[in-house]
Amino acid sequence: MLDVVIVGAGVCGLALARSLHLRGQDFQLFEARARLGGRIASAVTAESGLVLDLGPTWYWPQTQPLFANLVSELGLADFPQYEDGAALHLNDPDKAVERIEDRRFHEGARRLDGGMVTLVDALAEHLPAAKIHLGHVLMSVRGLADRVALTFEVGGASVEVEARHGVLAVPPRLLDEHVMFEPMLDDALRDAMRNAATWMAAQAKAVVAYDRHPWRGNGFSGAAFVTHEQAVLGEIFDACDGSGEKAALGGFLALTPALRSAFADGLPMLINNQMTQVFGSALEQGELHYRDWATERFTCSALDIEAPAAETAGIANPLLRQPQWEGRLFLGGTETATRGAGHVEGALYAAQRIDRALGRALPEADRTPDDDGSVPSNEAVLAQFHTWAVAQRDSVFENYRRRLHRGLAAQQREQLTQIAMLGAMEDVFADALGVLETLSFDMQNVAVDRGRSALTPEIQKPFRDVMQSLQDDVIAFNRTSCALSNFPDESRPAQEYIRTILRDIAAAWREFSLAANRILVAKAGAAEQSQSSSAIKVS
């Protein structure tokens, strides 16, 4: 049987497919569009051959480590966003533009040489063509006893695919709106899916190529903001290539989806007028490329049109990260991420999360003996423990949620979050001590210095991520919880309250660390005693 079916060939789906391929895992990748990349899309100018980003444009290495590491790993070239010179602001269509000096609006931002599409191409480069299926529109997902069955519409016909695991790297609102699930997903998850606004789905972007860039010669950065009521482009930026030889300006439309539709025929003229009004008549003629994402059926849902996202929270509702149907179904995509939700970085975090879960769940991954059947090394045993610990990131949040609901049902009024978080982490620590008791380390070469085992820091290490993950999940969940809406101190906990909670958890972590060290020291003592007994018998 097929191991993994991935639906959605955006960055999340492609990154996951690449990782599975490198691991030698069996997978198939399905995409509704006739192209790869999802919300990454480009156009190539007729005159200069400049590649224009009509979707994501920038990344920030300082705050987006997964993206930065991937750029390095794939050997992609990048360059800083051009911001030399003054920005411009037009607040009144009947007045001149104002200069904004000494401001950088894309501080630290970088762009990929050749556009974001180079990332898509690099992720897909070594994927076998036979594993990629374009033009497959997901219609339904069924959970069976030991597998999932997915039905796709392909050219008017239905195709069913079965696999041990399914990954839906598709915006949650689109899944809720268009895909049938059997059995039905629970109400809390469906609410989380509907509340997960698809990032940039209701937006439109225009990029205009020119034969030169006079704004640079005039001391302007190309950044401009238009804030009057008649604005067509609200934000404009320099979109030239890294060398500056190929000129372009990009902009995000200020018009709503309805107005863009109503003025569709006149938009090129309106965009041209806006550019010349801001930068002068030298930009009167340009080559316009335009993408209205609100018209993309595989990006924008009806809810995204009705209630477009004003901003991303950076952390998605943790319910979207919970495996479904006993670990056979996963939701992916940037809208589910623990970090950078809404950005390419978020898509990479989602892919990493699912990859780790599949690494634990797929057949070859669970073996603890070495391949030759020998007893595992201490490194292998530690890896086994770390894998177990990382897996607790899902269960600890579910434990928190159960405890929170019990507290609400008991009409508890104070410290709801604090009590539930502490109890959930204490359960993880207790379970970890039980697991640690069962592990067979080779203790003969493990030093114990002044009562501290050399293995103790390695046992502690994975729980920093578990604790951070729980904190992030709790904050994101509490913001969207209807049950906590009447408890403002809990729905949006203050920093001092969070610090108090973290102090409690840190104390529990110290107690766990001491107990874990005692277990390891006792194992070392038992090993030493056993060795001494063996030596006596031999002599």
Protein backbone atom coordinates (compact mmCIF):
# COMPACT_ATOMS: atom_id res chain seq x y z
CA MET A 1 0.00 0.00 0.00
CA LEU A 2 1.15 3.57 -0.69
CA ASP A 3 2.65 5.19 2.42
CA VAL A 4 1.71 8.86 1.99
CA VAL A 5 -0.59 10.89 -0.22
CA ILE A 6 0.15 14.63 -0.19
CA VAL A 7 -2.53 16.99 -1.48
CA GLY A 8 -1.30 20.46 -2.42
CA ALA A 9 1.96 21.26 -4.22
CA GLY A 10 2.68 24.60 -2.62
CA VAL A 11 5.84 25.04 -0.54
CA CYS A 12 4.55 22.85 2.31
CA GLY A 13 3.62 19.95 0.05
CA LEU A 14 6.78 20.22 -2.03
CA ALA A 15 9.08 20.47 1.01
CA LEU A 16 7.43 17.43 2.57
CA ALA A 17 7.60 15.47 -0.69
CA ARG A 18 11.29 16.31 -1.03
CA SER A 19 12.02 15.15 2.51
CA LEU A 20 10.15 11.86 2.02
CA HIS A 21 11.93 11.31 -1.28
CA LEU A 22 15.34 11.88 0.30
CA ARG A 23 14.39 9.36 3.00
CA GLY A 24 13.34 6.82 0.38
CA GLN A 25 9.71 6.87 1.50
CA ASP A 26 6.82 6.00 -0.81
CA PHE A 27 4.57 8.98 -1.62
CA GLN A 28 2.42 10.57 -4.32
CA LEU A 29 1.82 14.33 -4.66
CA PHE A 30 -1.48 15.67 -6.03
CA GLU A 31 -2.18 19.27 -7.08
CA ALA A 32 -5.42 20.83 -8.32
CA ARG A 33 -3.69 23.43 -10.47
CA ALA A 34 -1.87 22.79 -13.72
CA ARG A 35 1.35 24.03 -12.10
CA LEU A 36 3.39 23.67 -8.92
CA GLY A 37 3.90 26.38 -6.32
CA GLY A 38 0.50 27.31 -4.92
CA ARG A 39 0.58 30.98 -3.98
CA ILE A 40 4.08 31.34 -5.40
CA ALA A 41 3.55 32.48 -8.97
CA SER A 42 5.63 34.48 -11.41
CA ALA A 43 5.55 36.22 -14.78
CA VAL A 44 8.41 36.91 -17.18
CA THR A 45 8.58 40.27 -18.93
CA ALA A 46 8.60 40.27 -22.73
CA GLU A 47 11.25 42.96 -23.10
CA SER A 48 13.92 42.23 -20.48
CA GLY A 49 13.11 38.68 -19.34
CA LEU A 50 12.83 39.88 -15.74
CA VAL A 51 11.04 37.36 -13.50
CA LEU A 52 8.31 39.10 -11.47
CA ASP A 53 6.87 37.74 -8.24
CA LEU A 54 3.08 37.90 -8.26
CA GLY A 55 2.85 36.11 -4.92
CA PRO A 56 5.35 36.13 -2.03
CA THR A 57 8.39 38.32 -2.67
CA TRP A 58 10.58 38.58 0.44
CA TYR A 59 12.06 36.59 3.25
CA TRP A 60 13.86 37.72 6.41
CA PRO A 61 16.88 35.54 7.35
CA GLN A 62 17.07 36.95 10.88
CA THR A 63 13.56 35.80 11.79
CA GLN A 64 12.93 32.99 9.29
CA PRO A 65 15.60 30.37 9.95
CA LEU A 66 13.97 27.51 8.03
CA PHE A 67 13.73 29.60 4.88
CA ALA A 68 17.29 30.88 5.29
CA ASN A 69 18.68 27.38 5.84
CA LEU A 70 16.78 26.06 2.83
CA VAL A 71 18.12 28.82 0.59
CA SER A 72 21.63 27.83 1.66
CA GLU A 73 20.98 24.09 1.30
CA LEU A 74 19.51 24.46 -2.19
CA GLY A 75 22.26 26.84 -3.28
CA LEU A 76 19.86 29.62 -4.26
CA ALA A 77 21.17 33.13 -4.86
CA ASP A 78 19.53 36.06 -3.10
CA PHE A 79 19.94 39.81 -2.72
CA PRO A 80 18.71 42.56 -0.37
CA GLN A 81 15.57 44.51 -1.10
CA TYR A 82 16.59 47.88 -2.54
CA GLU A 83 15.77 50.70 -0.11
CA ASP A 84 18.36 53.40 -0.77
CA GLY A 85 16.84 56.86 -0.86
CA ALA A 86 13.61 58.47 0.30
CA ALA A 87 10.19 56.84 0.31
CA LEU A 88 7.08 58.69 -0.86
CA HIS A 89 3.64 59.26 0.63
CA LEU A 90 0.55 60.50 -1.20
CA ASN A 91 -2.33 61.32 1.14
CA ASP A 92 -4.26 63.74 -1.10
CA PRO A 93 -4.77 63.18 -4.85
CA ASP A 94 -4.78 66.96 -5.40
CA LYS A 95 -1.47 67.60 -3.67
CA ALA A 96 2.14 66.69 -4.30
CA VAL A 97 3.70 63.60 -2.82
CA GLU A 98 5.61 63.91 0.44
CA ARG A 99 9.12 62.59 1.01
CA ILE A 100 9.81 60.18 3.87
CA GLU A 101 13.49 60.33 4.79
CA ASP A 102 15.63 57.82 6.65
CA ARG A 103 13.01 55.07 6.83
CA ARG A 104 13.45 51.46 5.71
CA PHE A 105 10.14 49.67 5.35
CA HIS A 106 11.59 46.26 4.45
CA GLU A 107 14.46 46.18 6.92
CA GLY A 108 16.48 42.99 6.51
CA ALA A 109 14.30 41.66 3.67
CA ARG A 110 15.91 39.67 0.88
CA ARG A 111 14.66 38.39 -2.47
CA LEU A 112 15.61 35.35 -4.49
CA ASP A 113 17.53 35.91 -7.70
CA GLY A 114 15.17 34.72 -10.42
CA GLY A 115 12.12 35.13 -8.19
CA MET A 116 10.43 32.93 -5.62
CA VAL A 117 9.69 30.42 -8.34
CA THR A 118 13.34 29.31 -8.07
CA LEU A 119 12.48 27.90 -4.64
CA VAL A 120 9.61 25.90 -6.15
CA ASP A 121 11.82 24.64 -8.97
CA ALA A 122 14.60 23.62 -6.58
CA LEU A 123 12.23 21.75 -4.23
CA ALA A 124 10.71 19.85 -7.15
CA GLU A 125 13.91 19.32 -9.12
CA HIS A 126 14.66 15.76 -8.04
CA LEU A 127 11.11 14.54 -7.41
CA PRO A 128 10.23 11.71 -9.82
CA ALA A 129 7.78 12.97 -12.44
CA ALA A 130 5.69 9.82 -11.96
CA LYS A 131 4.95 10.87 -8.37
CA ILE A 132 3.51 14.29 -9.28
CA HIS A 133 -0.09 14.55 -10.47
CA LEU A 134 -1.42 17.94 -11.65
CA GLY A 135 -5.05 18.75 -12.36
CA HIS A 136 -6.35 16.59 -9.50
CA VAL A 137 -9.09 18.36 -7.50
CA LEU A 138 -9.75 16.82 -4.09
CA MET A 139 -13.43 16.05 -3.52
CA SER A 140 -13.59 13.77 -0.45
CA VAL A 141 -11.50 12.05 2.20
CA ARG A 142 -12.57 8.85 3.98
CA GLY A 143 -10.96 7.36 7.06
CA LEU A 144 -10.82 3.56 6.92
CA ALA A 145 -9.56 1.04 9.47
CA ASP A 146 -5.88 1.27 8.57
CA ARG A 147 -5.72 3.83 5.77
CA VAL A 148 -7.31 6.87 4.16
CA ALA A 149 -9.08 7.00 0.81
CA LEU A 150 -9.04 10.24 -1.19
CA THR A 151 -11.27 10.92 -4.18
CA PHE A 152 -10.14 13.37 -6.86
CA GLU A 153 -11.95 14.87 -9.83
CA VAL A 154 -9.75 14.67 -12.92
CA GLY A 155 -11.13 15.97 -16.20
CA GLY A 156 -14.70 15.11 -15.27
CA ALA A 157 -13.86 11.62 -13.97
CA SER A 158 -13.33 10.39 -10.39
CA VAL A 159 -10.09 8.80 -9.22
CA GLU A 160 -9.66 7.20 -5.79
CA VAL A 161 -6.28 6.82 -4.09
CA GLU A 162 -5.59 4.94 -0.84
CA ALA A 163 -2.61 5.31 1.48
CA ARG A 164 -1.61 4.68 5.08
CA HIS A 165 -1.45 8.44 5.68
CA GLY A 166 -2.95 11.50 4.04
CA VAL A 167 -1.54 15.03 4.21
CA LEU A 168 -3.77 17.93 3.19
CA ALA A 169 -1.41 20.84 2.50
CA VAL A 170 -4.34 23.04 1.45
CA PRO A 171 -5.76 26.20 3.11
CA PRO A 172 -8.13 24.98 5.87
CA ARG A 173 -11.00 27.19 4.70
CA LEU A 174 -10.90 25.58 1.25
CA LEU A 175 -11.01 22.11 2.82
CA ASP A 176 -13.99 23.09 4.95
CA GLU A 177 -15.76 24.65 1.98
CA HIS A 178 -15.17 22.07 -0.75
CA VAL A 179 -14.11 18.69 0.69
CA MET A 180 -16.34 16.01 2.25
CA PHE A 181 -14.91 14.11 5.24
CA GLU A 182 -16.12 10.72 6.41
CA PRO A 183 -16.28 10.43 9.35
CA MET A 184 -16.94 14.13 9.90
CA LEU A 185 -14.25 16.16 11.60
CA ASP A 186 -15.29 17.35 15.05
CA ASP A 187 -16.98 20.71 15.51
CA ALA A 188 -14.06 22.36 17.29
CA LEU A 189 -11.72 21.51 14.42
CA ARG A 190 -14.20 22.70 11.81
CA ASP A 191 -14.53 26.00 13.65
CA ALA A 192 -10.74 26.33 13.72
CA MET A 193 -10.63 25.64 9.96
CA ARG A 194 -13.24 28.30 9.23
CA ASN A 195 -11.43 30.82 11.44
CA ALA A 196 -8.07 30.23 9.71
CA ALA A 197 -8.09 33.07 7.21
CA THR A 198 -6.14 32.18 4.07
CA TRP A 199 -3.20 34.52 4.04
CA MET A 200 -3.29 37.05 1.15
CA ALA A 201 -6.19 35.18 -0.46
CA ALA A 202 -8.31 38.29 -1.03
CA GLN A 203 -5.37 40.41 -2.18
CA ALA A 204 -4.18 41.41 -5.64
CA LYS A 205 -0.71 42.35 -6.77
CA ALA A 206 0.58 44.28 -9.76
CA VAL A 207 4.15 44.52 -11.04
CA VAL A 208 5.07 46.95 -13.82
CA ALA A 209 8.32 46.55 -15.77
CA TYR A 210 10.09 49.57 -17.27
CA ASP A 211 13.09 50.12 -19.53
CA ARG A 212 14.85 52.09 -16.76
CA HIS A 213 14.45 53.10 -13.11
CA PRO A 214 14.45 56.92 -12.88
CA TRP A 215 13.29 56.84 -9.26
CA ARG A 216 16.71 55.55 -8.20
CA GLY A 217 18.52 58.30 -10.07
CA ASN A 218 16.22 60.85 -8.42
CA GLY A 219 17.15 59.66 -4.94
CA PHE A 220 14.05 57.56 -4.25
CA SER A 221 13.94 53.98 -2.94
CA GLY A 222 10.85 53.00 -4.95
CA ALA A 223 8.86 52.56 -1.75
CA ALA A 224 5.64 54.57 -1.71
CA PHE A 225 2.35 54.63 0.17
CA VAL A 226 -0.96 55.99 -1.15
CA THR A 227 -3.55 56.50 1.58
CA HIS A 228 -6.28 58.68 0.10
CA GLU A 229 -9.75 57.28 -0.61
CA GLN A 230 -9.16 56.97 -4.36
CA ALA A 231 -5.99 54.90 -3.99
CA VAL A 232 -5.56 52.07 -6.47
CA LEU A 233 -2.19 50.83 -5.20
CA GLY A 234 -1.83 51.17 -1.45
CA GLU A 235 1.80 50.10 -1.16
CA ILE A 236 4.50 50.25 -3.86
CA PHE A 237 8.04 48.86 -3.77
CA ASP A 238 11.13 48.53 -5.95
CA ALA A 239 10.95 45.26 -7.90
CA CYS A 240 14.14 45.51 -9.95
CA ASP A 241 16.47 42.54 -10.20
CA GLY A 242 19.53 42.20 -7.98
CA SER A 243 21.85 43.90 -10.45
CA GLY A 244 19.50 46.84 -10.98
CA GLU A 245 19.76 46.38 -14.73
CA LYS A 246 16.15 45.26 -15.15
CA ALA A 247 13.64 47.76 -13.82
CA ALA A 248 10.23 47.23 -12.22
CA LEU A 249 7.91 48.51 -9.50
CA GLY A 250 5.48 46.30 -7.63
CA GLY A 251 2.39 47.16 -5.66
CA PHE A 252 -0.51 45.78 -3.64
CA LEU A 253 -3.95 46.96 -4.68
CA ALA A 254 -5.94 49.02 -2.22
CA LEU A 255 -9.26 48.17 -3.93
CA THR A 256 -11.54 45.49 -2.50
CA PRO A 257 -12.20 42.32 -4.54
CA ALA A 258 -15.62 43.70 -5.53
CA LEU A 259 -14.16 47.00 -6.78
CA ARG A 260 -11.38 45.20 -8.64
CA SER A 261 -14.02 43.16 -10.43
CA ALA A 262 -16.14 46.21 -11.22
CA PHE A 263 -13.17 48.16 -12.63
CA ALA A 264 -11.43 45.18 -14.24
CA ASP A 265 -11.32 46.68 -17.75
CA GLY A 266 -9.92 49.99 -16.54
CA LEU A 267 -7.41 48.68 -14.01
CA PRO A 268 -4.35 48.89 -16.31
CA MET A 269 -5.05 52.58 -16.93
CA LEU A 270 -5.72 53.25 -13.23
CA ILE A 271 -2.49 51.52 -12.18
CA ASN A 272 -0.51 53.45 -14.79
CA ASN A 273 -2.04 56.74 -13.62
CA GLN A 274 -1.17 55.90 -10.01
CA MET A 275 2.47 55.19 -10.86
CA THR A 276 2.89 58.45 -12.80
CA GLN A 277 1.10 60.44 -10.11
CA VAL A 278 3.58 59.18 -7.51
CA PHE A 279 6.82 58.93 -9.52
CA GLY A 280 6.26 61.29 -12.45
CA SER A 281 5.60 61.10 -16.18
CA ALA A 282 8.82 59.17 -16.87
CA LEU A 283 6.88 56.05 -15.84
CA GLU A 284 3.97 56.63 -18.17
CA GLN A 285 4.59 53.48 -20.19
CA GLY A 286 5.26 50.12 -18.60
CA GLU A 287 4.59 46.41 -19.05
CA LEU A 288 1.91 45.44 -16.51
CA HIS A 289 1.57 41.99 -14.95
CA TYR A 290 -1.28 41.45 -12.53
CA ARG A 291 -2.66 38.65 -10.34
CA ASP A 292 -5.94 38.87 -8.42
CA TRP A 293 -5.75 36.03 -5.89
CA ALA A 294 -9.38 36.53 -4.90
CA THR A 295 -10.38 35.03 -8.26
CA GLU A 296 -8.26 31.89 -7.71
CA ARG A 297 -10.59 29.04 -6.76
CA PHE A 298 -7.71 26.99 -5.33
CA THR A 299 -6.56 29.86 -3.10
CA CYS A 300 -9.51 31.98 -2.02
CA SER A 301 -12.64 30.76 -0.21
CA ALA A 302 -15.97 32.52 0.12
CA LEU A 303 -15.11 33.34 3.74
CA ASP A 304 -11.85 34.96 2.66
CA ILE A 305 -13.86 37.33 0.43
CA GLU A 306 -16.36 38.10 3.19
CA ALA A 307 -13.79 38.56 5.96
CA PRO A 308 -10.25 39.03 4.58
CA ALA A 309 -7.39 38.76 7.04
CA ALA A 310 -5.96 42.08 8.14
CA GLU A 311 -2.84 40.49 9.58
CA THR A 312 -1.41 37.13 10.57
CA ALA A 313 -1.07 36.11 14.20
CA GLY A 314 2.15 34.23 13.42
CA ILE A 315 0.87 31.16 15.29
CA ALA A 316 -2.12 29.16 14.06
CA ASN A 317 -4.80 27.51 16.15
CA PRO A 318 -3.15 24.34 17.50
CA LEU A 319 -6.24 22.25 16.72
CA LEU A 320 -5.14 22.50 13.08
CA ARG A 321 -1.93 20.68 14.00
CA GLN A 322 -3.54 17.71 15.70
CA PRO A 323 -3.34 14.41 13.76
CA GLN A 324 -6.79 13.09 12.89
CA TRP A 325 -8.21 9.57 12.65
CA GLU A 326 -5.62 7.99 14.94
CA GLY A 327 -2.70 9.62 13.18
CA ARG A 328 -3.70 8.75 9.63
CA LEU A 329 -4.62 12.30 8.51
CA PHE A 330 -2.68 15.56 8.85
CA LEU A 331 -3.55 19.15 7.98
CA GLY A 332 -0.70 21.18 6.54
CA GLY A 333 -0.01 24.48 4.84
CA THR A 334 1.18 27.79 6.24
CA GLU A 335 -2.15 28.48 7.98
CA THR A 336 -1.44 25.60 10.42
CA ALA A 337 2.08 26.64 11.46
CA THR A 338 3.57 27.14 14.91
CA ARG A 339 5.84 29.86 13.50
CA GLY A 340 5.43 32.29 10.65
CA ALA A 341 1.82 31.34 9.96
CA GLY A 342 0.82 32.98 6.68
CA HIS A 343 4.36 33.18 5.30
CA VAL A 344 6.57 30.75 3.37
CA GLU A 345 8.37 30.16 6.66
CA GLY A 346 5.10 28.88 8.10
CA ALA A 347 4.69 26.44 5.21
CA LEU A 348 8.16 25.06 5.97
CA TYR A 349 7.35 24.71 9.67
CA ALA A 350 4.17 22.80 8.78
CA ALA A 351 6.11 20.48 6.48
CA GLN A 352 8.70 19.87 9.20
CA ARG A 353 6.01 19.04 11.77
CA ILE A 354 4.31 16.51 9.52
CA ASP A 355 7.61 15.02 8.37
CA ARG A 356 8.58 14.34 11.96
CA ALA A 357 5.21 12.76 12.70
CA LEU A 358 5.42 10.55 9.62
CA GLY A 359 8.97 9.60 10.55
CA ARG A 360 7.56 8.15 13.76
CA ALA A 361 4.54 6.55 12.13
CA LEU A 362 5.83 4.97 8.92
CA PRO A 363 6.97 1.34 9.01
CA GLU A 364 10.78 1.58 8.94
CA ALA A 365 11.01 4.35 11.50
CA ASP A 366 10.02 2.51 14.67
CA ARG A 367 12.93 0.08 14.93
CA THR A 368 15.15 0.55 17.96
CA PRO A 369 17.74 -2.24 17.47
CA ASP A 370 20.57 -1.59 15.06
CA ASP A 371 20.13 -3.04 11.59
CA ASP A 372 22.29 -6.05 12.48
CA GLY A 373 20.10 -6.89 15.47
CA SER A 374 22.68 -5.81 18.06
CA VAL A 375 21.88 -3.86 21.20
CA PRO A 376 21.40 -0.14 20.39
CA SER A 377 24.16 2.31 21.29
CA ASN A 378 23.54 5.05 23.83
CA GLU A 379 23.16 7.47 20.91
CA ALA A 380 20.42 5.28 19.44
CA VAL A 381 18.64 4.97 22.79
CA LEU A 382 18.79 8.74 23.28
CA ALA A 383 17.41 9.22 19.76
CA GLN A 384 14.55 6.89 20.68
CA PHE A 385 13.84 8.93 23.83
CA HIS A 386 14.06 12.22 21.92
CA THR A 387 11.60 10.89 19.33
CA TRP A 388 9.20 9.96 22.11
CA ALA A 389 9.59 13.38 23.76
CA VAL A 390 8.99 15.31 20.54
CA ALA A 391 5.84 13.25 19.97
CA GLN A 392 4.43 14.62 23.24
CA ARG A 393 3.97 18.06 21.67
CA ASP A 394 0.62 16.94 20.29
CA SER A 395 -0.59 15.06 23.35
CA VAL A 396 0.45 17.71 25.88
CA PHE A 397 -1.75 20.30 24.21
CA GLU A 398 -4.70 17.88 24.14
CA ASN A 399 -4.12 17.26 27.85
CA TYR A 400 -4.13 21.03 28.43
CA ARG A 401 -7.40 21.40 26.53
CA ARG A 402 -9.07 18.63 28.53
CA ARG A 403 -7.91 20.15 31.80
CA LEU A 404 -9.08 23.60 30.73
CA HIS A 405 -12.55 22.29 29.87
CA ARG A 406 -12.76 20.44 33.18
CA GLY A 407 -11.89 23.67 34.97
CA LEU A 408 -14.59 25.56 33.07
CA ALA A 409 -17.14 22.82 33.74
CA ALA A 410 -16.31 23.02 37.46
CA GLN A 411 -16.90 26.80 37.26
CA GLN A 412 -13.30 27.54 38.11
CA ARG A 413 -12.77 31.28 37.74
CA GLU A 414 -9.11 31.97 38.34
CA GLN A 415 -5.78 30.67 37.03
CA LEU A 416 -7.47 28.48 34.43
CA THR A 417 -4.54 28.55 32.04
CA GLN A 418 -1.91 28.26 34.75
CA ILE A 419 -3.44 25.18 36.39
CA ALA A 420 -4.14 23.42 33.09
CA MET A 421 -0.67 24.07 31.61
CA LEU A 422 1.16 23.01 34.75
CA GLY A 423 -0.90 19.83 35.08
CA ALA A 424 -0.34 18.91 31.43
CA MET A 425 3.44 19.34 31.69
CA GLU A 426 3.61 17.45 34.99
CA ASP A 427 1.89 14.51 33.27
CA VAL A 428 4.48 14.59 30.47
CA PHE A 429 7.33 14.65 32.99
CA ALA A 430 5.82 11.73 34.91
CA ASP A 431 5.42 9.70 31.72
CA ALA A 432 8.98 10.57 30.70
CA LEU A 433 10.35 9.16 33.95
CA GLY A 434 8.44 5.96 33.29
CA VAL A 435 9.90 5.71 29.79
CA LEU A 436 13.38 6.46 31.12
CA GLU A 437 13.14 3.54 33.58
CA THR A 438 12.60 1.14 30.68
CA LEU A 439 15.51 2.29 28.51
CA SER A 440 18.64 0.13 28.38
CA PHE A 441 21.73 2.32 28.32
CA ASP A 442 25.28 1.06 28.25
CA MET A 443 26.23 2.69 31.53
CA GLN A 444 29.80 1.36 31.78
CA ASN A 445 31.24 4.32 29.88
CA VAL A 446 28.87 6.99 31.21
CA ALA A 447 30.54 9.29 33.71
CA VAL A 448 28.91 10.32 36.98
CA ASP A 449 30.54 13.47 38.33
CA ARG A 450 29.58 14.69 41.79
CA GLY A 451 26.26 12.89 41.60
CA ARG A 452 25.36 14.09 38.08
CA SER A 453 25.14 11.67 35.16
CA ALA A 454 26.65 12.76 31.85
CA LEU A 455 23.40 11.62 30.19
CA THR A 456 21.17 14.00 32.16
CA PRO A 457 21.61 17.05 29.85
CA GLU A 458 20.67 14.87 26.86
CA ILE A 459 17.50 13.73 28.65
CA GLN A 460 16.60 17.34 29.44
CA LYS A 461 17.24 18.67 25.94
CA PRO A 462 14.02 17.80 24.03
CA PHE A 463 11.69 19.19 26.69
CA ARG A 464 12.67 22.78 25.98
CA ASP A 465 10.92 22.43 22.61
CA VAL A 466 7.94 20.68 24.21
CA MET A 467 7.49 23.48 26.75
CA GLN A 468 7.89 26.21 24.11
CA SER A 469 5.45 24.43 21.80
CA LEU A 470 2.84 24.19 24.57
CA GLN A 471 3.23 27.89 25.38
CA ASP A 472 2.78 28.87 21.72
CA ASP A 473 -0.20 26.54 21.27
CA VAL A 474 -1.93 27.74 24.42
CA ILE A 475 -1.60 31.42 23.50
CA ALA A 476 -2.92 30.79 19.99
CA PHE A 477 -5.76 28.58 21.21
CA ASN A 478 -6.87 30.88 24.02
CA ARG A 479 -7.20 33.79 21.58
CA THR A 480 -9.73 31.86 19.49
CA SER A 481 -11.54 29.96 22.25
CA CYS A 482 -15.20 30.94 22.58
CA ALA A 483 -15.25 29.34 26.03
CA LEU A 484 -12.60 31.79 27.26
CA SER A 485 -14.12 34.88 25.65
CA ASN A 486 -15.62 35.86 29.02
CA PHE A 487 -12.23 35.51 30.72
CA PRO A 488 -10.06 38.28 29.21
CA ASP A 489 -7.14 37.51 31.52
CA GLU A 490 -7.10 33.95 30.13
CA SER A 491 -7.98 34.58 26.48
CA ARG A 492 -5.14 37.09 26.15
CA PRO A 493 -2.87 36.48 29.14
CA ALA A 494 -0.65 39.34 30.21
CA GLN A 495 3.13 38.94 30.13
CA GLU A 496 3.34 38.82 33.93
CA TYR A 497 0.77 36.00 34.03
CA ILE A 498 2.74 34.08 31.38
CA ARG A 499 5.94 34.57 33.35
CA THR A 500 4.24 33.20 36.47
CA ILE A 501 3.10 30.12 34.53
CA LEU A 502 6.58 29.58 33.11
CA ARG A 503 8.11 29.81 36.59
CA ASP A 504 5.76 27.04 37.75
CA ILE A 505 6.65 24.87 34.76
CA ALA A 506 10.36 25.58 35.24
CA ALA A 507 10.06 24.34 38.83
CA ALA A 508 8.35 21.16 37.61
CA TRP A 509 11.09 20.74 35.00
CA ARG A 510 13.78 21.02 37.70
CA GLU A 511 12.03 18.33 39.75
CA PHE A 512 11.85 16.12 36.67
CA SER A 513 15.54 16.72 35.92
CA LEU A 514 16.55 15.73 39.46
CA ALA A 515 14.39 12.60 39.31
CA ALA A 516 15.75 11.67 35.86
CA ASN A 517 19.31 12.12 37.14
CA ARG A 518 18.56 9.83 40.11
CA ILE A 519 17.33 7.13 37.70
CA LEU A 520 20.46 7.43 35.56
CA VAL A 521 22.80 7.41 38.57
CA ALA A 522 21.00 4.33 39.89
CA LYS A 523 21.40 2.64 36.49
CA ALA A 524 25.11 3.48 36.57
CA GLY A 525 25.41 2.04 40.09
CA ALA A 526 23.60 -1.14 39.08
CA ALA A 527 25.87 -1.51 36.04
CA GLU A 528 28.98 -1.03 38.20
CA GLN A 529 27.74 -3.55 40.75
CA SER A 530 26.95 -6.05 37.99
CA GLN A 531 30.41 -5.60 36.51
CA SER A 532 32.02 -6.09 39.93
CA SER A 533 30.00 -9.25 40.52
CA SER A 534 31.04 -10.60 37.14
CA ALA A 535 34.69 -9.88 37.91
CA ILE A 536 34.47 -11.72 41.23
CA LYS A 537 32.90 -14.75 39.57
CA VAL A 538 35.59 -14.82 36.91
CA SER A 539 38.39 -14.58 39.47
